[in-house]
Amino acid sequence: MADRVALIDYGAGNLHSVENALRAVGADVCVTADPALVADASRIVLPGVGAFGACHDGLARLRGMIEMLERRVLRDGIPFLGICVGMQLLGTRGLEHGETPGLAWIGGEVRELDTSGHVKVPHMGWNDVILADDASGLIRSGEAYFLHSYALDVADERDVAARTDHGGSVTAAVARDNILGVQFHPEKSQAYGLALLERFLQWKP
């Protein structure tokens, strides 16, 4: 099987910028809404920008896609990367404009950022990525570009790969087995983000 990255097209706003960033680091990218093409991919990237519910609904409208993602990621164990809302969808449920179920691959709830510390929401711009316990070795300390108003409150601290600070500790990355999710945008994080994508392409969990 060729080492092809399936970039899931379900109407997410950052699709083409993620595609360009992956191609910039040498990835063979297949932008697709077809589960059959995901079946033949060796890596999967799920982007995402916007409201949790709208992104979940967009993914669910692709007939057979969630089932194929579960087969390839949870059963077959191929490397998976979720970006921004693509990471949030890994949680159990989202609490943005009501309650929406997530994929439940990583336990936790997607909650609005705490503004009690008088920080601006959305959290937008460059911020430190502080390494927690990333067994995958993909996340490194540095600065990345964030743009979000909600974040994944992870149920099991062992799933937290990195944090950032925005009026308190915020999950910046999660990792478990062959699954990686980042709240920040690698495609907007210049050298830091491109280096992460390069490591993802070489990752053999």
N, C-alpha and C. Protein backbone atom coordinates (compact mmCIF):
# COMPACT_ATOMS: atom_id res chain seq x y z
N MET A 1 0.85 -1.20 0.00
CA MET A 1 0.00 0.00 0.00
C MET A 1 0.88 1.25 0.00
N ALA A 2 0.60 2.17 -0.87
CA ALA A 2 1.34 3.43 -0.91
C ALA A 2 1.09 4.21 0.38
N ASP A 3 2.11 4.97 0.78
CA ASP A 3 1.99 5.75 2.01
C ASP A 3 1.22 7.04 1.70
N ARG A 4 -0.08 6.92 1.60
CA ARG A 4 -0.93 8.04 1.20
C ARG A 4 -1.70 8.56 2.40
N VAL A 5 -1.81 9.89 2.50
CA VAL A 5 -2.55 10.54 3.57
C VAL A 5 -3.94 10.88 3.07
N ALA A 6 -4.96 10.37 3.75
CA ALA A 6 -6.34 10.75 3.45
C ALA A 6 -6.70 11.97 4.30
N LEU A 7 -6.97 13.07 3.62
CA LEU A 7 -7.39 14.31 4.29
C LEU A 7 -8.90 14.41 4.11
N ILE A 8 -9.64 14.32 5.21
CA ILE A 8 -11.08 14.15 5.14
C ILE A 8 -11.76 15.48 4.82
N ASP A 9 -12.53 15.46 3.75
CA ASP A 9 -13.26 16.65 3.28
C ASP A 9 -14.72 16.54 3.70
N TYR A 10 -15.05 17.25 4.79
CA TYR A 10 -16.44 17.25 5.25
C TYR A 10 -16.95 18.67 5.45
N GLY A 11 -16.34 19.61 4.72
CA GLY A 11 -16.76 21.00 4.79
C GLY A 11 -16.00 21.83 5.80
N ALA A 12 -14.89 21.30 6.35
CA ALA A 12 -14.11 22.05 7.33
C ALA A 12 -13.37 23.21 6.67
N GLY A 13 -13.33 24.33 7.35
CA GLY A 13 -12.82 25.55 6.74
C GLY A 13 -11.33 25.58 6.47
N ASN A 14 -10.54 24.74 7.16
CA ASN A 14 -9.09 24.81 6.98
C ASN A 14 -8.56 23.70 6.09
N LEU A 15 -9.43 23.11 5.28
CA LEU A 15 -9.05 21.94 4.48
C LEU A 15 -7.87 22.23 3.56
N HIS A 16 -7.95 23.28 2.77
CA HIS A 16 -6.94 23.50 1.73
C HIS A 16 -5.62 24.00 2.31
N SER A 17 -5.67 24.74 3.41
CA SER A 17 -4.41 25.17 4.03
C SER A 17 -3.69 23.97 4.65
N VAL A 18 -4.45 23.02 5.20
CA VAL A 18 -3.83 21.79 5.71
C VAL A 18 -3.26 20.97 4.56
N GLU A 19 -4.00 20.88 3.47
CA GLU A 19 -3.49 20.16 2.29
C GLU A 19 -2.18 20.76 1.81
N ASN A 20 -2.13 22.07 1.70
CA ASN A 20 -0.91 22.74 1.22
C ASN A 20 0.27 22.48 2.16
N ALA A 21 0.00 22.51 3.47
CA ALA A 21 1.08 22.28 4.43
C ALA A 21 1.59 20.84 4.34
N LEU A 22 0.69 19.89 4.20
CA LEU A 22 1.10 18.49 4.06
C LEU A 22 1.92 18.28 2.79
N ARG A 23 1.48 18.88 1.70
CA ARG A 23 2.23 18.75 0.45
C ARG A 23 3.61 19.41 0.57
N ALA A 24 3.68 20.49 1.35
CA ALA A 24 4.95 21.20 1.51
C ALA A 24 6.00 20.34 2.20
N VAL A 25 5.56 19.38 3.01
CA VAL A 25 6.52 18.49 3.68
C VAL A 25 6.60 17.13 2.98
N GLY A 26 6.07 17.05 1.76
CA GLY A 26 6.29 15.88 0.93
C GLY A 26 5.23 14.80 1.00
N ALA A 27 4.07 15.10 1.57
CA ALA A 27 3.03 14.09 1.70
C ALA A 27 2.32 13.84 0.37
N ASP A 28 1.95 12.60 0.13
CA ASP A 28 1.06 12.22 -0.97
C ASP A 28 -0.35 12.32 -0.41
N VAL A 29 -1.07 13.39 -0.73
CA VAL A 29 -2.34 13.71 -0.09
C VAL A 29 -3.51 13.38 -1.01
N CYS A 30 -4.49 12.71 -0.45
CA CYS A 30 -5.75 12.46 -1.14
C CYS A 30 -6.85 13.17 -0.35
N VAL A 31 -7.38 14.26 -0.91
CA VAL A 31 -8.49 14.98 -0.27
C VAL A 31 -9.77 14.24 -0.66
N THR A 32 -10.50 13.75 0.34
CA THR A 32 -11.60 12.86 0.00
C THR A 32 -12.77 12.91 0.98
N ALA A 33 -13.95 12.67 0.43
CA ALA A 33 -15.17 12.45 1.22
C ALA A 33 -15.66 11.03 1.01
N ASP A 34 -14.82 10.18 0.43
CA ASP A 34 -15.19 8.83 0.04
C ASP A 34 -14.57 7.81 1.00
N PRO A 35 -15.37 7.09 1.78
CA PRO A 35 -14.82 6.09 2.70
C PRO A 35 -13.96 5.03 2.00
N ALA A 36 -14.27 4.73 0.74
CA ALA A 36 -13.49 3.72 0.02
C ALA A 36 -12.04 4.15 -0.17
N LEU A 37 -11.82 5.44 -0.36
CA LEU A 37 -10.45 5.94 -0.48
C LEU A 37 -9.74 5.97 0.87
N VAL A 38 -10.50 6.20 1.93
CA VAL A 38 -9.92 6.15 3.28
C VAL A 38 -9.46 4.73 3.59
N ALA A 39 -10.20 3.75 3.06
CA ALA A 39 -9.83 2.34 3.28
C ALA A 39 -8.46 2.01 2.73
N ASP A 40 -8.02 2.74 1.70
CA ASP A 40 -6.74 2.47 1.07
C ASP A 40 -5.61 3.37 1.56
N ALA A 41 -5.93 4.31 2.44
CA ALA A 41 -4.91 5.24 2.93
C ALA A 41 -4.10 4.61 4.06
N SER A 42 -2.90 5.12 4.26
CA SER A 42 -2.06 4.62 5.35
C SER A 42 -1.94 5.60 6.50
N ARG A 43 -2.47 6.83 6.30
CA ARG A 43 -2.55 7.83 7.37
C ARG A 43 -3.80 8.67 7.13
N ILE A 44 -4.36 9.20 8.21
CA ILE A 44 -5.58 9.99 8.11
C ILE A 44 -5.40 11.30 8.86
N VAL A 45 -5.86 12.39 8.24
CA VAL A 45 -5.89 13.69 8.90
C VAL A 45 -7.32 14.22 8.85
N LEU A 46 -7.82 14.62 10.01
CA LEU A 46 -9.17 15.18 10.13
C LEU A 46 -9.02 16.65 10.55
N PRO A 47 -9.23 17.60 9.62
CA PRO A 47 -9.13 19.01 9.97
C PRO A 47 -10.42 19.48 10.64
N GLY A 48 -10.54 20.78 10.88
CA GLY A 48 -11.78 21.27 11.45
C GLY A 48 -11.69 22.71 11.91
N VAL A 49 -12.65 23.51 11.48
CA VAL A 49 -12.78 24.90 11.93
C VAL A 49 -14.27 25.18 12.07
N GLY A 50 -14.65 25.89 13.13
CA GLY A 50 -16.05 26.24 13.30
C GLY A 50 -16.64 25.61 14.54
N ALA A 51 -17.96 25.50 14.56
CA ALA A 51 -18.68 24.98 15.71
C ALA A 51 -18.61 23.46 15.76
N PHE A 52 -18.52 22.92 16.94
CA PHE A 52 -18.42 21.47 17.15
C PHE A 52 -19.59 20.74 16.50
N GLY A 53 -20.81 21.21 16.76
CA GLY A 53 -22.00 20.54 16.24
C GLY A 53 -22.04 20.52 14.73
N ALA A 54 -21.70 21.65 14.12
CA ALA A 54 -21.72 21.73 12.66
C ALA A 54 -20.68 20.79 12.06
N CYS A 55 -19.50 20.71 12.68
CA CYS A 55 -18.46 19.81 12.17
C CYS A 55 -18.88 18.35 12.34
N HIS A 56 -19.44 18.02 13.49
CA HIS A 56 -19.92 16.65 13.69
C HIS A 56 -20.98 16.28 12.66
N ASP A 57 -21.92 17.19 12.43
CA ASP A 57 -22.99 16.91 11.47
C ASP A 57 -22.44 16.75 10.06
N GLY A 58 -21.45 17.58 9.71
CA GLY A 58 -20.84 17.46 8.39
C GLY A 58 -20.17 16.12 8.20
N LEU A 59 -19.49 15.64 9.24
CA LEU A 59 -18.84 14.34 9.16
C LEU A 59 -19.87 13.22 9.09
N ALA A 60 -20.93 13.35 9.88
CA ALA A 60 -21.96 12.31 9.92
C ALA A 60 -22.73 12.22 8.60
N ARG A 61 -22.78 13.32 7.85
CA ARG A 61 -23.50 13.30 6.57
C ARG A 61 -22.77 12.49 5.49
N LEU A 62 -21.49 12.23 5.71
CA LEU A 62 -20.74 11.41 4.75
C LEU A 62 -21.03 9.95 5.06
N ARG A 63 -21.90 9.36 4.27
CA ARG A 63 -22.37 8.00 4.55
C ARG A 63 -21.21 7.01 4.67
N GLY A 64 -21.14 6.37 5.81
CA GLY A 64 -20.13 5.35 6.05
C GLY A 64 -18.78 5.87 6.50
N MET A 65 -18.60 7.20 6.58
CA MET A 65 -17.28 7.74 6.90
C MET A 65 -16.88 7.48 8.35
N ILE A 66 -17.78 7.74 9.29
CA ILE A 66 -17.41 7.52 10.70
C ILE A 66 -17.08 6.04 10.93
N GLU A 67 -17.85 5.16 10.35
CA GLU A 67 -17.59 3.73 10.49
C GLU A 67 -16.23 3.36 9.88
N MET A 68 -15.90 3.97 8.73
CA MET A 68 -14.61 3.69 8.11
C MET A 68 -13.46 4.24 8.95
N LEU A 69 -13.64 5.43 9.51
CA LEU A 69 -12.61 5.99 10.38
C LEU A 69 -12.38 5.08 11.58
N GLU A 70 -13.46 4.59 12.18
CA GLU A 70 -13.32 3.69 13.32
C GLU A 70 -12.60 2.40 12.93
N ARG A 71 -12.92 1.89 11.75
CA ARG A 71 -12.26 0.66 11.28
C ARG A 71 -10.77 0.88 11.08
N ARG A 72 -10.43 1.96 10.36
CA ARG A 72 -9.02 2.17 10.01
C ARG A 72 -8.18 2.60 11.20
N VAL A 73 -8.76 3.46 12.06
CA VAL A 73 -7.99 4.00 13.18
C VAL A 73 -8.03 3.08 14.39
N LEU A 74 -9.23 2.68 14.81
CA LEU A 74 -9.35 1.90 16.04
C LEU A 74 -9.04 0.42 15.84
N ARG A 75 -9.42 -0.13 14.68
CA ARG A 75 -9.16 -1.56 14.44
C ARG A 75 -7.81 -1.79 13.79
N ASP A 76 -7.54 -1.05 12.70
CA ASP A 76 -6.31 -1.29 11.94
C ASP A 76 -5.10 -0.57 12.51
N GLY A 77 -5.34 0.48 13.30
CA GLY A 77 -4.24 1.16 14.00
C GLY A 77 -3.37 2.04 13.13
N ILE A 78 -3.93 2.61 12.04
CA ILE A 78 -3.09 3.49 11.22
C ILE A 78 -2.97 4.87 11.89
N PRO A 79 -1.91 5.61 11.62
CA PRO A 79 -1.72 6.91 12.26
C PRO A 79 -2.82 7.90 11.90
N PHE A 80 -3.30 8.61 12.91
CA PHE A 80 -4.39 9.56 12.76
C PHE A 80 -4.00 10.88 13.41
N LEU A 81 -4.32 11.99 12.73
CA LEU A 81 -4.09 13.33 13.27
C LEU A 81 -5.37 14.14 13.15
N GLY A 82 -5.87 14.64 14.28
CA GLY A 82 -7.00 15.56 14.30
C GLY A 82 -6.51 16.97 14.61
N ILE A 83 -7.00 17.96 13.85
CA ILE A 83 -6.54 19.34 14.00
C ILE A 83 -7.70 20.24 14.41
N CYS A 84 -7.52 21.01 15.47
CA CYS A 84 -8.49 21.98 15.99
C CYS A 84 -9.81 21.26 16.30
N VAL A 85 -10.90 21.57 15.60
CA VAL A 85 -12.15 20.86 15.88
C VAL A 85 -12.02 19.39 15.53
N GLY A 86 -11.13 19.05 14.60
CA GLY A 86 -10.83 17.65 14.32
C GLY A 86 -10.29 16.93 15.52
N MET A 87 -9.58 17.62 16.40
CA MET A 87 -9.17 17.06 17.69
C MET A 87 -10.33 17.02 18.66
N GLN A 88 -11.10 18.10 18.71
CA GLN A 88 -12.22 18.16 19.67
C GLN A 88 -13.22 17.04 19.42
N LEU A 89 -13.41 16.66 18.15
CA LEU A 89 -14.36 15.60 17.82
C LEU A 89 -13.95 14.26 18.41
N LEU A 90 -12.71 14.11 18.84
CA LEU A 90 -12.27 12.88 19.48
C LEU A 90 -12.93 12.68 20.84
N GLY A 91 -13.43 13.74 21.44
CA GLY A 91 -14.01 13.68 22.78
C GLY A 91 -15.36 12.96 22.82
N THR A 92 -15.85 12.81 24.04
CA THR A 92 -17.12 12.12 24.26
C THR A 92 -18.30 12.96 23.79
N ARG A 93 -18.24 14.26 24.06
CA ARG A 93 -19.32 15.14 23.63
C ARG A 93 -18.85 16.59 23.62
N GLY A 94 -19.53 17.40 22.83
CA GLY A 94 -19.27 18.83 22.78
C GLY A 94 -20.43 19.59 23.38
N LEU A 95 -20.13 20.68 24.09
CA LEU A 95 -21.15 21.46 24.77
C LEU A 95 -21.27 22.86 24.18
N GLU A 96 -21.05 22.96 22.89
CA GLU A 96 -21.15 24.24 22.18
C GLU A 96 -22.53 24.35 21.53
N HIS A 97 -23.32 25.34 21.96
CA HIS A 97 -24.68 25.52 21.45
C HIS A 97 -25.51 24.25 21.66
N GLY A 98 -25.53 23.76 22.88
CA GLY A 98 -26.22 22.52 23.18
C GLY A 98 -25.24 21.37 23.30
N GLU A 99 -25.74 20.17 23.31
CA GLU A 99 -24.90 18.98 23.47
C GLU A 99 -24.89 18.16 22.19
N THR A 100 -23.68 17.81 21.74
CA THR A 100 -23.51 17.00 20.53
C THR A 100 -22.54 15.87 20.85
N PRO A 101 -22.87 14.64 20.45
CA PRO A 101 -21.93 13.55 20.71
C PRO A 101 -20.67 13.68 19.87
N GLY A 102 -19.56 13.24 20.43
CA GLY A 102 -18.32 13.17 19.68
C GLY A 102 -18.03 11.75 19.26
N LEU A 103 -16.83 11.51 18.76
CA LEU A 103 -16.44 10.17 18.36
C LEU A 103 -16.16 9.27 19.56
N ALA A 104 -15.83 9.89 20.70
CA ALA A 104 -15.57 9.17 21.95
C ALA A 104 -14.35 8.25 21.85
N TRP A 105 -13.35 8.67 21.09
CA TRP A 105 -12.09 7.94 21.06
C TRP A 105 -11.20 8.34 22.23
N ILE A 106 -11.34 9.58 22.67
CA ILE A 106 -10.62 10.11 23.84
C ILE A 106 -11.70 10.62 24.79
N GLY A 107 -11.72 10.14 26.00
CA GLY A 107 -12.74 10.57 26.95
C GLY A 107 -12.60 12.04 27.31
N GLY A 108 -13.72 12.75 27.37
CA GLY A 108 -13.69 14.15 27.78
C GLY A 108 -14.77 14.96 27.09
N GLU A 109 -14.95 16.18 27.57
CA GLU A 109 -15.97 17.09 27.05
C GLU A 109 -15.33 18.34 26.49
N VAL A 110 -15.91 18.85 25.42
CA VAL A 110 -15.44 20.09 24.80
C VAL A 110 -16.23 21.24 25.40
N ARG A 111 -15.54 22.07 26.16
CA ARG A 111 -16.19 23.15 26.92
C ARG A 111 -15.66 24.51 26.49
N GLU A 112 -16.43 25.53 26.76
CA GLU A 112 -16.01 26.90 26.46
C GLU A 112 -14.82 27.28 27.33
N LEU A 113 -13.90 28.03 26.78
CA LEU A 113 -12.75 28.50 27.54
C LEU A 113 -13.19 29.36 28.71
N ASP A 114 -12.49 29.24 29.80
CA ASP A 114 -12.79 29.99 31.01
C ASP A 114 -12.34 31.44 30.83
N THR A 115 -13.30 32.36 30.94
CA THR A 115 -12.97 33.79 30.78
C THR A 115 -12.89 34.52 32.12
N SER A 116 -12.93 33.78 33.23
CA SER A 116 -12.91 34.43 34.54
C SER A 116 -11.59 35.15 34.81
N GLY A 117 -10.54 34.73 34.11
CA GLY A 117 -9.25 35.39 34.26
C GLY A 117 -9.09 36.58 33.34
N HIS A 118 -10.22 37.04 32.76
CA HIS A 118 -10.25 38.23 31.89
C HIS A 118 -9.37 38.07 30.66
N VAL A 119 -9.34 36.87 30.11
CA VAL A 119 -8.62 36.65 28.86
C VAL A 119 -9.60 36.77 27.70
N LYS A 120 -9.08 37.05 26.53
CA LYS A 120 -9.93 37.21 25.36
C LYS A 120 -10.32 35.85 24.78
N VAL A 121 -11.55 35.77 24.37
CA VAL A 121 -12.05 34.59 23.66
C VAL A 121 -12.70 35.09 22.38
N PRO A 122 -12.36 34.54 21.22
CA PRO A 122 -11.52 33.34 21.06
C PRO A 122 -10.05 33.56 21.41
N HIS A 123 -9.43 32.46 21.81
CA HIS A 123 -7.99 32.43 22.00
C HIS A 123 -7.37 32.42 20.61
N MET A 124 -6.75 33.51 20.23
CA MET A 124 -6.26 33.67 18.86
C MET A 124 -4.84 34.19 18.87
N GLY A 125 -3.95 33.47 18.21
CA GLY A 125 -2.58 33.92 18.07
C GLY A 125 -1.60 32.88 18.57
N TRP A 126 -0.34 33.30 18.68
CA TRP A 126 0.74 32.41 19.07
C TRP A 126 0.77 32.20 20.57
N ASN A 127 1.02 30.95 20.96
CA ASN A 127 1.12 30.64 22.39
C ASN A 127 2.03 29.44 22.58
N ASP A 128 2.55 29.31 23.80
CA ASP A 128 3.47 28.22 24.10
C ASP A 128 2.75 26.88 24.10
N VAL A 129 3.41 25.88 23.54
CA VAL A 129 2.99 24.49 23.67
C VAL A 129 3.91 23.86 24.71
N ILE A 130 3.32 23.47 25.84
CA ILE A 130 4.08 22.98 26.99
C ILE A 130 3.91 21.46 27.05
N LEU A 131 4.99 20.75 26.87
CA LEU A 131 4.93 19.29 26.82
C LEU A 131 4.46 18.72 28.15
N ALA A 132 3.54 17.78 28.06
CA ALA A 132 3.05 17.07 29.25
C ALA A 132 3.73 15.71 29.28
N ASP A 133 3.10 14.71 28.69
CA ASP A 133 3.68 13.36 28.68
C ASP A 133 3.34 12.71 27.36
N ASP A 134 3.99 13.14 26.30
CA ASP A 134 3.67 12.66 24.96
C ASP A 134 4.50 11.41 24.63
N ALA A 135 3.91 10.25 24.87
CA ALA A 135 4.63 9.00 24.61
C ALA A 135 4.89 8.80 23.12
N SER A 136 4.10 9.45 22.27
CA SER A 136 4.29 9.30 20.82
C SER A 136 5.58 9.96 20.34
N GLY A 137 6.04 10.96 21.08
CA GLY A 137 7.24 11.68 20.68
C GLY A 137 7.02 12.69 19.57
N LEU A 138 5.76 12.92 19.17
CA LEU A 138 5.48 13.82 18.06
C LEU A 138 5.44 15.28 18.49
N ILE A 139 4.96 15.55 19.69
CA ILE A 139 4.81 16.92 20.15
C ILE A 139 6.11 17.40 20.79
N ARG A 140 6.50 18.59 20.45
CA ARG A 140 7.69 19.20 21.04
C ARG A 140 7.29 20.54 21.66
N SER A 141 8.05 20.98 22.63
CA SER A 141 7.82 22.31 23.20
C SER A 141 8.13 23.36 22.14
N GLY A 142 7.39 24.46 22.19
CA GLY A 142 7.59 25.53 21.23
C GLY A 142 6.40 26.44 21.20
N GLU A 143 6.26 27.21 20.12
CA GLU A 143 5.13 28.12 19.95
C GLU A 143 4.33 27.71 18.73
N ALA A 144 3.00 27.73 18.89
CA ALA A 144 2.11 27.36 17.79
C ALA A 144 0.97 28.37 17.73
N TYR A 145 0.26 28.33 16.60
CA TYR A 145 -0.83 29.27 16.36
C TYR A 145 -2.17 28.63 16.74
N PHE A 146 -2.91 29.32 17.62
CA PHE A 146 -4.19 28.85 18.11
C PHE A 146 -5.31 29.76 17.62
N LEU A 147 -6.48 29.17 17.40
CA LEU A 147 -7.69 29.94 17.10
C LEU A 147 -8.89 29.10 17.52
N HIS A 148 -9.41 29.36 18.74
CA HIS A 148 -10.52 28.54 19.25
C HIS A 148 -11.17 29.24 20.44
N SER A 149 -12.43 28.89 20.67
CA SER A 149 -13.19 29.37 21.82
C SER A 149 -13.56 28.25 22.78
N TYR A 150 -13.41 27.01 22.31
CA TYR A 150 -13.71 25.83 23.10
C TYR A 150 -12.49 24.93 23.12
N ALA A 151 -12.41 24.08 24.14
CA ALA A 151 -11.26 23.18 24.26
C ALA A 151 -11.71 21.87 24.89
N LEU A 152 -10.95 20.81 24.62
CA LEU A 152 -11.26 19.49 25.14
C LEU A 152 -10.76 19.36 26.58
N ASP A 153 -11.69 19.15 27.49
CA ASP A 153 -11.38 18.88 28.90
C ASP A 153 -11.26 17.36 29.02
N VAL A 154 -10.04 16.86 29.05
CA VAL A 154 -9.78 15.43 28.92
C VAL A 154 -10.04 14.71 30.24
N ALA A 155 -10.69 13.55 30.15
CA ALA A 155 -11.07 12.80 31.35
C ALA A 155 -9.86 12.12 31.99
N ASP A 156 -8.94 11.63 31.18
CA ASP A 156 -7.78 10.88 31.69
C ASP A 156 -6.52 11.66 31.36
N GLU A 157 -5.84 12.12 32.39
CA GLU A 157 -4.64 12.94 32.19
C GLU A 157 -3.57 12.24 31.36
N ARG A 158 -3.61 10.93 31.33
CA ARG A 158 -2.62 10.19 30.54
C ARG A 158 -2.79 10.42 29.05
N ASP A 159 -3.94 10.92 28.64
CA ASP A 159 -4.18 11.22 27.23
C ASP A 159 -3.70 12.61 26.82
N VAL A 160 -3.29 13.43 27.78
CA VAL A 160 -2.85 14.80 27.48
C VAL A 160 -1.37 14.77 27.09
N ALA A 161 -1.08 15.20 25.87
CA ALA A 161 0.30 15.24 25.39
C ALA A 161 0.95 16.60 25.62
N ALA A 162 0.15 17.67 25.61
CA ALA A 162 0.69 19.02 25.81
C ALA A 162 -0.43 19.95 26.26
N ARG A 163 -0.02 21.02 26.91
CA ARG A 163 -0.96 22.04 27.36
C ARG A 163 -0.46 23.41 26.93
N THR A 164 -1.36 24.38 27.00
CA THR A 164 -0.98 25.77 26.84
C THR A 164 -1.68 26.55 27.94
N ASP A 165 -1.36 27.83 28.08
CA ASP A 165 -1.99 28.64 29.12
C ASP A 165 -2.76 29.78 28.47
N HIS A 166 -4.04 29.85 28.80
CA HIS A 166 -4.87 30.97 28.37
C HIS A 166 -5.92 31.20 29.43
N GLY A 167 -5.55 31.96 30.45
CA GLY A 167 -6.42 32.14 31.61
C GLY A 167 -6.51 30.89 32.44
N GLY A 168 -5.54 30.01 32.33
CA GLY A 168 -5.53 28.71 32.97
C GLY A 168 -5.04 27.66 31.99
N SER A 169 -4.87 26.46 32.48
CA SER A 169 -4.35 25.38 31.65
C SER A 169 -5.38 24.92 30.63
N VAL A 170 -4.96 24.81 29.37
CA VAL A 170 -5.83 24.40 28.27
C VAL A 170 -5.14 23.25 27.53
N THR A 171 -5.90 22.22 27.18
CA THR A 171 -5.35 21.10 26.43
C THR A 171 -4.90 21.56 25.04
N ALA A 172 -3.63 21.37 24.76
CA ALA A 172 -3.07 21.75 23.46
C ALA A 172 -2.90 20.54 22.55
N ALA A 173 -2.75 19.35 23.12
CA ALA A 173 -2.59 18.14 22.31
C ALA A 173 -2.96 16.92 23.13
N VAL A 174 -3.52 15.93 22.46
CA VAL A 174 -3.82 14.64 23.08
C VAL A 174 -3.16 13.55 22.25
N ALA A 175 -2.84 12.44 22.90
CA ALA A 175 -2.22 11.33 22.20
C ALA A 175 -2.54 10.03 22.92
N ARG A 176 -2.92 9.03 22.12
CA ARG A 176 -3.11 7.68 22.65
C ARG A 176 -2.87 6.69 21.52
N ASP A 177 -1.92 5.80 21.74
CA ASP A 177 -1.61 4.77 20.74
C ASP A 177 -1.32 5.42 19.38
N ASN A 178 -2.15 5.17 18.38
CA ASN A 178 -1.94 5.71 17.03
C ASN A 178 -2.73 6.98 16.76
N ILE A 179 -3.29 7.57 17.82
CA ILE A 179 -4.15 8.75 17.68
C ILE A 179 -3.44 9.98 18.25
N LEU A 180 -3.38 11.04 17.45
CA LEU A 180 -2.84 12.32 17.89
C LEU A 180 -3.85 13.41 17.54
N GLY A 181 -4.07 14.32 18.47
CA GLY A 181 -4.92 15.47 18.20
C GLY A 181 -4.25 16.74 18.70
N VAL A 182 -4.34 17.82 17.93
CA VAL A 182 -3.75 19.09 18.34
C VAL A 182 -4.80 20.19 18.24
N GLN A 183 -4.88 21.00 19.29
CA GLN A 183 -5.82 22.12 19.28
C GLN A 183 -5.31 23.26 18.40
N PHE A 184 -4.01 23.39 18.32
CA PHE A 184 -3.43 24.46 17.50
C PHE A 184 -3.45 24.07 16.02
N HIS A 185 -3.06 25.00 15.18
CA HIS A 185 -3.07 24.80 13.73
C HIS A 185 -1.65 24.60 13.22
N PRO A 186 -1.22 23.38 12.94
CA PRO A 186 0.13 23.19 12.38
C PRO A 186 0.31 23.93 11.06
N GLU A 187 -0.77 24.00 10.27
CA GLU A 187 -0.67 24.63 8.95
C GLU A 187 -0.47 26.13 9.03
N LYS A 188 -0.68 26.73 10.22
CA LYS A 188 -0.46 28.16 10.41
C LYS A 188 0.71 28.43 11.36
N SER A 189 1.40 27.38 11.77
CA SER A 189 2.43 27.51 12.80
C SER A 189 3.84 27.50 12.24
N GLN A 190 3.96 27.81 10.96
CA GLN A 190 5.26 27.99 10.31
C GLN A 190 6.18 26.80 10.57
N ALA A 191 7.44 27.04 10.92
CA ALA A 191 8.42 25.95 11.02
C ALA A 191 8.02 24.93 12.09
N TYR A 192 7.44 25.41 13.18
CA TYR A 192 7.04 24.49 14.25
C TYR A 192 5.99 23.51 13.74
N GLY A 193 4.99 24.02 13.04
CA GLY A 193 3.91 23.18 12.54
C GLY A 193 4.35 22.25 11.44
N LEU A 194 5.18 22.73 10.52
CA LEU A 194 5.66 21.87 9.44
C LEU A 194 6.52 20.73 9.98
N ALA A 195 7.30 21.01 11.01
CA ALA A 195 8.12 19.96 11.61
C ALA A 195 7.24 18.88 12.25
N LEU A 196 6.14 19.30 12.87
CA LEU A 196 5.20 18.33 13.43
C LEU A 196 4.60 17.45 12.33
N LEU A 197 4.20 18.06 11.23
CA LEU A 197 3.62 17.29 10.13
C LEU A 197 4.65 16.31 9.55
N GLU A 198 5.90 16.74 9.47
CA GLU A 198 6.95 15.84 9.00
C GLU A 198 7.09 14.63 9.92
N ARG A 199 7.05 14.87 11.23
CA ARG A 199 7.15 13.76 12.18
C ARG A 199 5.94 12.83 12.05
N PHE A 200 4.77 13.42 11.81
CA PHE A 200 3.58 12.60 11.64
C PHE A 200 3.71 11.67 10.44
N LEU A 201 4.30 12.16 9.36
CA LEU A 201 4.48 11.34 8.16
C LEU A 201 5.43 10.18 8.39
N GLN A 202 6.34 10.33 9.33
CA GLN A 202 7.32 9.28 9.62
C GLN A 202 6.89 8.39 10.78
N TRP A 203 5.81 8.73 11.43
CA TRP A 203 5.37 8.07 12.67
C TRP A 203 4.98 6.62 12.41
N LYS A 204 5.51 5.72 13.26
CA LYS A 204 5.15 4.30 13.19
C LYS A 204 4.72 3.83 14.57
N PRO A 205 3.47 4.16 14.95
CA PRO A 205 3.01 3.79 16.30
C PRO A 205 2.86 2.27 16.47
